[in-house]
């Protein structure tokens, strides 16, 4: 006999809850972080649902991919405008994450859904993105420099 409630799939860290300690001091980026975290938790709930369809999982992951691309582009623009010395490393981390998310999305669209792997990767990516990638450069994310008018 199988248990009525299966254990949560994400054995690693759960998707973090938003707190002021995760703020990078930029309202737009913080808003996007909050939305990404909510989308991640929505995906986790969906992955814990039996049966979640491939289309449901694909749609939820697609929302994360779409917002993360916009978010990464904005972060990189702000970091560049503020002269962040680790911009190139930040871009590499974004590119790696984009490729990983694209691979996951492709797998799901082809009917390959390893819920445990997907759950772990999304939770780890979301935790890493803010905590280890953005917070260390938050001084370069706080302000969007005004563009100078051409002379």
Foldseek 3Di string as FASTA:
>chain_A
DDDPADDQLAPDAALDADDPVLDLQAVVLSVLLNVLSVLLVVLSVLLSDPPRALVNNLVSLVVNLVSLVVSLVVQLLLLVQLVPPCSVVLVVLSVVLNVVSVVQSVCSVVVNPPSNVVSNVSRVSSCCCRPPRRNVVSVSVNDRDDDDDDD
